[in-house]
């Protein structure tokens, strides 16, 4: 199996075995200007505000637990 590997590799180039590829047609993607995630601007603001407060509280909690910050 491996005895004639060099000769078999030199005799048949790999790229010639593949059929020619068809060029892909690229479509331009249009972004809709509708609501993001199906939410209004006020709803997205509330979600981001809640996420910010959770990160703030959890970060403070971690600092207190590790002793890097005292209450």
PDB file of N, CA and C in Angstrom:
ATOM      1  N   UNK A   1       0.824  -1.191   0.000  1.00  0.00           N
ATOM      2  CA  UNK A   1       0.000   0.000   0.000  1.00  0.00           C
ATOM      3  C   UNK A   1       0.871   1.259   0.000  1.00  0.00           C
ATOM      4  N   UNK A   2       1.837   1.322   0.902  1.00  0.00           N
ATOM      5  CA  UNK A   2       2.685   2.500   0.998  1.00  0.00           C
ATOM      6  C   UNK A   2       3.946   2.382   0.151  1.00  0.00           C
ATOM      7  N   UNK A   3       4.160   1.250  -0.497  1.00  0.00           N
ATOM      8  CA  UNK A   3       5.382   1.043  -1.273  1.00  0.00           C
ATOM      9  C   UNK A   3       5.472   1.996  -2.459  1.00  0.00           C
ATOM     10  N   UNK A   4       4.393   2.172  -3.142  1.00  0.00           N
ATOM     11  CA  UNK A   4       4.397   2.950  -4.381  1.00  0.00           C
ATOM     12  C   UNK A   4       3.736   4.324  -4.184  1.00  0.00           C
ATOM     13  N   UNK A   5       3.810   4.851  -2.982  1.00  0.00           N
ATOM     14  CA  UNK A   5       3.109   6.094  -2.662  1.00  0.00           C
ATOM     15  C   UNK A   5       3.661   7.285  -3.441  1.00  0.00           C
ATOM     16  N   UNK A   6       4.971   7.410  -3.539  1.00  0.00           N
ATOM     17  CA  UNK A   6       5.558   8.542  -4.251  1.00  0.00           C
ATOM     18  C   UNK A   6       5.205   8.512  -5.731  1.00  0.00           C
ATOM     19  N   UNK A   7       5.275   7.350  -6.340  1.00  0.00           N
ATOM     20  CA  UNK A   7       4.957   7.251  -7.765  1.00  0.00           C
ATOM     21  C   UNK A   7       3.483   7.536  -8.037  1.00  0.00           C
ATOM     22  N   UNK A   8       2.616   7.052  -7.171  1.00  0.00           N
ATOM     23  CA  UNK A   8       1.190   7.301  -7.395  1.00  0.00           C
ATOM     24  C   UNK A   8       0.848   8.771  -7.163  1.00  0.00           C
ATOM     25  N   UNK A   9       1.543   9.422  -6.238  1.00  0.00           N
ATOM     26  CA  UNK A   9       1.290  10.836  -5.987  1.00  0.00           C
ATOM     27  C   UNK A   9       1.799  11.691  -7.139  1.00  0.00           C
ATOM     28  N   UNK A  10       2.907  11.302  -7.745  1.00  0.00           N
ATOM     29  CA  UNK A  10       3.475  12.076  -8.846  1.00  0.00           C
ATOM     30  C   UNK A  10       2.712  11.862 -10.144  1.00  0.00           C
ATOM     31  N   UNK A  11       2.079  10.730 -10.296  1.00  0.00           N
ATOM     32  CA  UNK A  11       1.420  10.434 -11.571  1.00  0.00           C
ATOM     33  C   UNK A  11       0.063  11.116 -11.714  1.00  0.00           C
ATOM     34  N   UNK A  12      -0.653  11.317 -10.629  1.00  0.00           N
ATOM     35  CA  UNK A  12      -1.989  11.901 -10.719  1.00  0.00           C
ATOM     36  C   UNK A  12      -2.086  13.115  -9.794  1.00  0.00           C
ATOM     37  N   UNK A  13      -2.044  14.304 -10.348  1.00  0.00           N
ATOM     38  CA  UNK A  13      -2.228  15.491  -9.501  1.00  0.00           C
ATOM     39  C   UNK A  13      -3.626  15.499  -8.892  1.00  0.00           C
ATOM     40  N   UNK A  14      -3.696  15.889  -7.663  1.00  0.00           N
ATOM     41  CA  UNK A  14      -4.952  15.858  -6.926  1.00  0.00           C
ATOM     42  C   UNK A  14      -5.970  16.848  -7.480  1.00  0.00           C
ATOM     43  N   UNK A  15      -5.521  18.022  -7.861  1.00  0.00           N
ATOM     44  CA  UNK A  15      -6.447  19.069  -8.286  1.00  0.00           C
ATOM     45  C   UNK A  15      -7.133  18.753  -9.605  1.00  0.00           C
ATOM     46  N   UNK A  16      -6.529  17.931 -10.434  1.00  0.00           N
ATOM     47  CA  UNK A  16      -7.151  17.611 -11.712  1.00  0.00           C
ATOM     48  C   UNK A  16      -8.316  16.644 -11.552  1.00  0.00           C
ATOM     49  N   UNK A  17      -8.403  15.953 -10.442  1.00  0.00           N
ATOM     50  CA  UNK A  17      -9.488  15.011 -10.214  1.00  0.00           C
ATOM     51  C   UNK A  17     -10.805  15.706  -9.897  1.00  0.00           C
ATOM     52  N   UNK A  18     -10.734  16.920  -9.386  1.00  0.00           N
ATOM     53  CA  UNK A  18     -11.941  17.627  -8.975  1.00  0.00           C
ATOM     54  C   UNK A  18     -12.627  18.277 -10.169  1.00  0.00           C
ATOM     55  N   UNK A  19     -13.949  18.232 -10.214  1.00  0.00           N
ATOM     56  CA  UNK A  19     -14.657  18.938 -11.284  1.00  0.00           C
ATOM     57  C   UNK A  19     -14.572  20.448 -11.050  1.00  0.00           C
ATOM     58  N   UNK A  20     -14.652  21.244 -12.098  1.00  0.00           N
ATOM     59  CA  UNK A  20     -14.587  22.699 -11.905  1.00  0.00           C
ATOM     60  C   UNK A  20     -15.787  23.186 -11.095  1.00  0.00           C
ATOM     61  N   UNK A  21     -15.512  24.142 -10.226  1.00  0.00           N
ATOM     62  CA  UNK A  21     -16.573  24.666  -9.366  1.00  0.00           C
ATOM     63  C   UNK A  21     -17.336  25.766 -10.082  1.00  0.00           C
ATOM     64  N   UNK A  22     -18.616  25.834  -9.786  1.00  0.00           N
ATOM     65  CA  UNK A  22     -19.441  26.907 -10.334  1.00  0.00           C
ATOM     66  C   UNK A  22     -19.286  28.133  -9.437  1.00  0.00           C
ATOM     67  N   UNK A  23     -19.172  29.305 -10.034  1.00  0.00           N
ATOM     68  CA  UNK A  23     -19.068  30.503  -9.191  1.00  0.00           C
ATOM     69  C   UNK A  23     -20.380  30.738  -8.450  1.00  0.00           C
ATOM     70  N   UNK A  24     -20.244  31.113  -7.191  1.00  0.00           N
ATOM     71  CA  UNK A  24     -21.428  31.356  -6.373  1.00  0.00           C
ATOM     72  C   UNK A  24     -21.995  32.735  -6.674  1.00  0.00           C
ATOM     73  N   UNK A  25     -23.294  32.804  -6.720  1.00  0.00           N
ATOM     74  CA  UNK A  25     -23.969  34.078  -6.926  1.00  0.00           C
ATOM     75  C   UNK A  25     -24.227  34.672  -5.553  1.00  0.00           C
ATOM     76  N   UNK A  26     -23.648  35.830  -5.326  1.00  0.00           N
ATOM     77  CA  UNK A  26     -23.823  36.486  -4.030  1.00  0.00           C
ATOM     78  C   UNK A  26     -25.002  37.427  -4.085  1.00  0.00           C
ATOM     79  N   UNK A  27     -25.872  37.256  -3.156  1.00  0.00           N
ATOM     80  CA  UNK A  27     -27.012  38.158  -3.047  1.00  0.00           C
ATOM     81  C   UNK A  27     -26.704  39.195  -1.984  1.00  0.00           C
ATOM     82  N   UNK A  28     -27.122  40.389  -2.230  1.00  0.00           N
ATOM     83  CA  UNK A  28     -26.921  41.417  -1.221  1.00  0.00           C
ATOM     84  C   UNK A  28     -27.989  41.239  -0.146  1.00  0.00           C
ATOM     85  N   UNK A  29     -27.522  41.201   1.091  1.00  0.00           N
ATOM     86  CA  UNK A  29     -28.446  41.020   2.198  1.00  0.00           C
ATOM     87  C   UNK A  29     -28.958  42.378   2.644  1.00  0.00           C
ATOM     88  N   UNK A  30     -30.242  42.502   2.640  1.00  0.00           N
ATOM     89  CA  UNK A  30     -30.834  43.750   3.112  1.00  0.00           C
ATOM     90  C   UNK A  30     -31.263  43.567   4.557  1.00  0.00           C
ATOM     91  N   UNK A  31     -30.863  44.486   5.364  1.00  0.00           N
ATOM     92  CA  UNK A  31     -31.275  44.435   6.760  1.00  0.00           C
ATOM     93  C   UNK A  31     -32.580  45.180   6.905  1.00  0.00           C
ATOM     94  N   UNK A  32     -33.493  44.534   7.540  1.00  0.00           N
ATOM     95  CA  UNK A  32     -34.762  45.208   7.774  1.00  0.00           C
ATOM     96  C   UNK A  32     -34.580  46.193   8.923  1.00  0.00           C
ATOM     97  N   UNK A  33     -35.255  47.265   8.840  1.00  0.00           N
ATOM     98  CA  UNK A  33     -35.152  48.291   9.876  1.00  0.00           C
ATOM     99  C   UNK A  33     -36.252  48.129  10.924  1.00  0.00           C
ATOM    100  N   UNK A  34     -36.782  46.939  11.017  1.00  0.00           N
ATOM    101  CA  UNK A  34     -37.818  46.657  11.998  1.00  0.00           C
ATOM    102  C   UNK A  34     -37.228  46.549  13.394  1.00  0.00           C
ATOM    103  N   UNK A  35     -38.058  46.245  14.348  1.00  0.00           N
ATOM    104  CA  UNK A  35     -37.581  46.147  15.729  1.00  0.00           C
ATOM    105  C   UNK A  35     -36.605  44.986  15.911  1.00  0.00           C
ATOM    106  N   UNK A  36     -35.548  45.243  16.654  1.00  0.00           N
ATOM    107  CA  UNK A  36     -34.526  44.245  16.921  1.00  0.00           C
ATOM    108  C   UNK A  36     -35.056  43.259  17.953  1.00  0.00           C
ATOM    109  N   UNK A  37     -34.973  41.980  17.674  1.00  0.00           N
ATOM    110  CA  UNK A  37     -35.467  40.906  18.539  1.00  0.00           C
ATOM    111  C   UNK A  37     -36.957  41.048  18.831  1.00  0.00           C
ATOM    112  N   UNK A  38     -37.663  41.784  18.014  1.00  0.00           N
ATOM    113  CA  UNK A  38     -39.096  41.946  18.209  1.00  0.00           C
ATOM    114  C   UNK A  38     -39.453  42.847  19.378  1.00  0.00           C
ATOM    115  N   UNK A  39     -38.510  43.697  19.810  1.00  0.00           N
ATOM    116  CA  UNK A  39     -38.759  44.575  20.954  1.00  0.00           C
ATOM    117  C   UNK A  39     -38.662  46.034  20.529  1.00  0.00           C
ATOM    118  N   UNK A  40     -39.336  46.862  21.266  1.00  0.00           N
ATOM    119  CA  UNK A  40     -39.241  48.299  21.014  1.00  0.00           C
ATOM    120  C   UNK A  40     -37.968  48.827  21.678  1.00  0.00           C
ATOM    121  N   UNK A  41     -37.663  50.081  21.436  1.00  0.00           N
ATOM    122  CA  UNK A  41     -36.460  50.688  22.008  1.00  0.00           C
ATOM    123  C   UNK A  41     -36.546  50.736  23.534  1.00  0.00           C
ATOM    124  N   UNK A  42     -37.706  51.012  24.063  1.00  0.00           N
ATOM    125  CA  UNK A  42     -37.870  51.075  25.526  1.00  0.00           C
ATOM    126  C   UNK A  42     -37.648  49.700  26.158  1.00  0.00           C
ATOM    127  N   UNK A  43     -38.162  48.663  25.528  1.00  0.00           N
ATOM    128  CA  UNK A  43     -37.993  47.315  26.064  1.00  0.00           C
ATOM    129  C   UNK A  43     -36.527  46.892  26.026  1.00  0.00           C
ATOM    130  N   UNK A  44     -35.825  47.211  24.940  1.00  0.00           N
ATOM    131  CA  UNK A  44     -34.398  46.888  24.857  1.00  0.00           C
ATOM    132  C   UNK A  44     -33.601  47.645  25.912  1.00  0.00           C
ATOM    133  N   UNK A  45     -33.969  48.902  26.170  1.00  0.00           N
ATOM    134  CA  UNK A  45     -33.282  49.691  27.186  1.00  0.00           C
ATOM    135  C   UNK A  45     -33.459  49.067  28.564  1.00  0.00           C
ATOM    136  N   UNK A  46     -34.655  48.616  28.881  1.00  0.00           N
ATOM    137  CA  UNK A  46     -34.909  47.991  30.182  1.00  0.00           C
ATOM    138  C   UNK A  46     -34.084  46.710  30.326  1.00  0.00           C
ATOM    139  N   UNK A  47     -34.018  45.902  29.269  1.00  0.00           N
ATOM    140  CA  UNK A  47     -33.231  44.667  29.309  1.00  0.00           C
ATOM    141  C   UNK A  47     -31.752  44.980  29.533  1.00  0.00           C
ATOM    142  N   UNK A  48     -31.227  45.966  28.823  1.00  0.00           N
ATOM    143  CA  UNK A  48     -29.811  46.333  28.967  1.00  0.00           C
ATOM    144  C   UNK A  48     -29.547  46.911  30.347  1.00  0.00           C
ATOM    145  N   UNK A  49     -30.466  47.703  30.865  1.00  0.00           N
ATOM    146  CA  UNK A  49     -30.312  48.273  32.202  1.00  0.00           C
ATOM    147  C   UNK A  49     -30.305  47.171  33.260  1.00  0.00           C
ATOM    148  N   UNK A  50     -31.196  46.201  33.126  1.00  0.00           N
ATOM    149  CA  UNK A  50     -31.226  45.081  34.075  1.00  0.00           C
ATOM    150  C   UNK A  50     -29.937  44.263  33.993  1.00  0.00           C
ATOM    151  N   UNK A  51     -29.431  44.040  32.794  1.00  0.00           N
ATOM    152  CA  UNK A  51     -28.178  43.310  32.622  1.00  0.00           C
ATOM    153  C   UNK A  51     -27.014  44.065  33.267  1.00  0.00           C
ATOM    154  N   UNK A  52     -26.974  45.373  33.078  1.00  0.00           N
ATOM    155  CA  UNK A  52     -25.926  46.192  33.679  1.00  0.00           C
ATOM    156  C   UNK A  52     -25.980  46.124  35.202  1.00  0.00           C
ATOM    157  N   UNK A  53     -27.170  46.217  35.764  1.00  0.00           N
ATOM    158  CA  UNK A  53     -27.297  46.169  37.220  1.00  0.00           C
ATOM    159  C   UNK A  53     -26.916  44.792  37.768  1.00  0.00           C
ATOM    160  N   UNK A  54     -27.253  43.731  37.058  1.00  0.00           N
ATOM    161  CA  UNK A  54     -26.869  42.386  37.502  1.00  0.00           C
ATOM    162  C   UNK A  54     -25.353  42.229  37.503  1.00  0.00           C
ATOM    163  N   UNK A  55     -24.689  42.731  36.469  1.00  0.00           N
ATOM    164  CA  UNK A  55     -23.226  42.657  36.412  1.00  0.00           C
ATOM    165  C   UNK A  55     -22.615  43.490  37.531  1.00  0.00           C
ATOM    166  N   UNK A  56     -23.189  44.642  37.799  1.00  0.00           N
ATOM    167  CA  UNK A  56     -22.695  45.507  38.864  1.00  0.00           C
ATOM    168  C   UNK A  56     -22.817  44.826  40.224  1.00  0.00           C
ATOM    169  N   UNK A  57     -23.971  44.243  40.504  1.00  0.00           N
ATOM    170  CA  UNK A  57     -24.194  43.584  41.796  1.00  0.00           C
ATOM    171  C   UNK A  57     -23.313  42.345  41.931  1.00  0.00           C
ATOM    172  N   UNK A  58     -23.236  41.526  40.891  1.00  0.00           N
ATOM    173  CA  UNK A  58     -22.412  40.319  40.970  1.00  0.00           C
ATOM    174  C   UNK A  58     -20.926  40.654  41.087  1.00  0.00           C
ATOM    175  N   UNK A  59     -20.475  41.690  40.404  1.00  0.00           N
ATOM    176  CA  UNK A  59     -19.081  42.106  40.518  1.00  0.00           C
ATOM    177  C   UNK A  59     -18.753  42.594  41.915  1.00  0.00           C
ATOM    178  N   UNK A  60     -19.649  43.379  42.501  1.00  0.00           N
ATOM    179  CA  UNK A  60     -19.453  43.864  43.865  1.00  0.00           C
ATOM    180  C   UNK A  60     -19.453  42.702  44.848  1.00  0.00           C
ATOM    181  N   UNK A  61     -20.366  41.757  44.650  1.00  0.00           N
ATOM    182  CA  UNK A  61     -20.432  40.579  45.515  1.00  0.00           C
ATOM    183  C   UNK A  61     -19.131  39.783  45.450  1.00  0.00           C
ATOM    184  N   UNK A  62     -18.597  39.596  44.266  1.00  0.00           N
ATOM    185  CA  UNK A  62     -17.341  38.851  44.117  1.00  0.00           C
ATOM    186  C   UNK A  62     -16.181  39.579  44.791  1.00  0.00           C
ATOM    187  N   UNK A  63     -16.149  40.896  44.694  1.00  0.00           N
ATOM    188  CA  UNK A  63     -15.084  41.660  45.351  1.00  0.00           C
ATOM    189  C   UNK A  63     -15.186  41.566  46.867  1.00  0.00           C
ATOM    190  N   UNK A  64     -16.412  41.584  47.407  1.00  0.00           N
ATOM    191  CA  UNK A  64     -16.596  41.471  48.858  1.00  0.00           C
ATOM    192  C   UNK A  64     -16.205  40.074  49.327  1.00  0.00           C
ATOM    193  N   UNK A  65     -16.605  39.044  48.589  1.00  0.00           N
ATOM    194  CA  UNK A  65     -16.310  37.666  48.989  1.00  0.00           C
ATOM    195  C   UNK A  65     -14.810  37.394  48.968  1.00  0.00           C
ATOM    196  N   UNK A  66     -14.108  37.890  47.969  1.00  0.00           N
ATOM    197  CA  UNK A  66     -12.666  37.636  47.883  1.00  0.00           C
ATOM    198  C   UNK A  66     -11.851  38.541  48.795  1.00  0.00           C
ATOM    199  N   UNK A  67     -12.477  39.511  49.431  1.00  0.00           N
ATOM    200  CA  UNK A  67     -11.782  40.377  50.368  1.00  0.00           C
ATOM    201  C   UNK A  67     -11.059  41.532  49.711  1.00  0.00           C
ATOM    202  N   UNK A  68     -11.297  41.778  48.446  1.00  0.00           N
ATOM    203  CA  UNK A  68     -10.647  42.890  47.749  1.00  0.00           C
ATOM    204  C   UNK A  68     -11.309  44.225  48.087  1.00  0.00           C
ATOM    205  N   UNK A  69     -12.542  44.147  48.618  1.00  0.00           N
ATOM    206  CA  UNK A  69     -13.278  45.359  48.960  1.00  0.00           C
ATOM    207  C   UNK A  69     -14.037  45.089  50.258  1.00  0.00           C
ATOM    208  N   UNK A  70     -14.002  46.036  51.173  1.00  0.00           N
ATOM    209  CA  UNK A  70     -14.729  45.886  52.436  1.00  0.00           C
ATOM    210  C   UNK A  70     -16.009  46.712  52.383  1.00  0.00           C
ATOM    211  N   UNK A  71     -17.001  46.239  53.108  1.00  0.00           N
ATOM    212  CA  UNK A  71     -18.287  46.961  53.115  1.00  0.00           C
ATOM    213  C   UNK A  71     -18.212  48.143  54.038  1.00  0.00           C
TER     214      UNK A  71
END
